[in-house]
Amino acid sequence: MTKDFTNYCDDSGQKIYVGDLVTLASPLKNEIDKINIFKVVKGKNDYEIVFYKGSMSSTDRNYRQKLSGAYKVIGNIKTGIDESLLE
């Protein structure tokens, strides 16, 4: 099965695929429970990020955002967060 490439890359140049978990800021190992993590999804017209885990609530207006706001890929939906990608 082929991964669905979004035509975006994170700040380090890593390609972003549907199902990846991304952050909007530098993901520090000691603050991983505080940072908001988003899941990459395919929207109606473009790719988006949707809140996955963190302190945000589903009523927050930033619950769903444009993919262009993604800073760093830190894992994917199937395997979870890859701690080696945290700073």
Protein backbone atom coordinates (compact mmCIF):
# COMPACT_ATOMS: atom_id res chain seq x y z
CA MET A 1 0.00 0.00 0.00
CA THR A 2 1.34 3.41 -0.99
CA LYS A 3 1.47 6.26 1.49
CA ASP A 4 -0.47 9.37 0.47
CA PHE A 5 2.19 12.14 0.17
CA THR A 6 0.77 15.60 0.88
CA ASN A 7 3.34 17.58 -1.16
CA TYR A 8 4.46 19.25 2.08
CA CYS A 9 7.60 18.84 4.16
CA ASP A 10 8.24 19.74 7.79
CA ASP A 11 10.80 22.30 8.95
CA SER A 12 13.63 19.75 8.70
CA GLY A 13 12.67 18.69 5.17
CA GLN A 14 10.99 15.40 6.12
CA LYS A 15 8.07 14.56 3.83
CA ILE A 16 4.61 14.68 5.40
CA TYR A 17 2.13 11.88 4.65
CA VAL A 18 -1.53 11.33 5.54
CA GLY A 19 -1.61 9.67 8.97
CA ASP A 20 1.54 11.37 10.25
CA LEU A 21 1.53 12.98 13.69
CA VAL A 22 2.88 16.54 13.68
CA THR A 23 3.45 19.42 16.06
CA LEU A 24 3.18 23.17 15.54
CA ALA A 25 6.25 23.89 17.67
CA SER A 26 9.53 22.29 18.67
CA PRO A 27 8.61 19.03 20.45
CA LEU A 28 10.69 18.72 23.62
CA LYS A 29 10.93 15.28 25.25
CA ASN A 30 10.30 16.67 28.73
CA GLU A 31 7.16 18.54 27.58
CA ILE A 32 5.53 15.96 25.29
CA ASP A 33 2.47 15.72 27.58
CA LYS A 34 1.87 19.47 27.28
CA ILE A 35 2.31 19.93 23.53
CA ASN A 36 -0.61 19.65 21.12
CA ILE A 37 -0.19 16.89 18.56
CA PHE A 38 -2.10 16.85 15.28
CA LYS A 39 -2.94 14.08 12.82
CA VAL A 40 -2.58 14.71 9.06
CA VAL A 41 -5.82 14.01 7.15
CA LYS A 42 -7.11 14.52 3.64
CA GLY A 43 -9.81 17.21 3.69
CA LYS A 44 -12.39 18.04 1.03
CA ASN A 45 -10.07 20.23 -1.03
CA ASP A 46 -6.63 19.91 0.55
CA TYR A 47 -4.68 18.25 3.34
CA GLU A 48 -5.31 19.39 6.90
CA ILE A 49 -4.21 18.70 10.45
CA VAL A 50 -6.75 17.73 13.10
CA PHE A 51 -6.13 17.73 16.84
CA TYR A 52 -5.01 14.29 18.04
CA LYS A 53 -3.62 14.65 21.58
CA GLY A 54 -2.77 17.37 24.09
CA SER A 55 -4.44 20.11 26.09
CA MET A 56 -6.69 21.47 23.36
CA SER A 57 -10.44 20.77 23.37
CA SER A 58 -12.68 19.95 20.40
CA THR A 59 -14.39 23.35 20.79
CA ASP A 60 -11.13 25.24 20.19
CA ARG A 61 -11.20 27.08 16.87
CA ASN A 62 -7.74 25.69 16.03
CA TYR A 63 -8.92 22.07 16.36
CA ARG A 64 -8.63 21.74 12.55
CA GLN A 65 -5.98 23.73 10.66
CA LYS A 66 -4.18 23.98 7.35
CA LEU A 67 -1.30 21.55 6.95
CA SER A 68 1.07 24.40 6.13
CA GLY A 69 1.19 25.15 9.88
CA ALA A 70 2.92 21.84 10.68
CA TYR A 71 6.40 22.27 12.15
CA LYS A 72 7.68 18.75 12.75
CA VAL A 73 6.67 15.15 12.07
CA ILE A 74 7.01 13.12 15.29
CA GLY A 75 5.45 9.81 14.26
CA ASN A 76 2.38 8.36 12.62
CA ILE A 77 -1.01 6.96 13.52
CA LYS A 78 0.04 3.29 13.16
CA THR A 79 3.26 3.30 15.20
CA GLY A 80 2.62 6.28 17.51
CA ILE A 81 5.12 8.91 18.59
CA ASP A 82 8.76 8.23 17.76
CA GLU A 83 10.71 9.60 20.73
CA SER A 84 13.90 9.77 18.66
CA LEU A 85 12.26 12.61 16.70
CA LEU A 86 11.74 14.70 19.85
CA GLU A 87 14.31 17.29 20.83
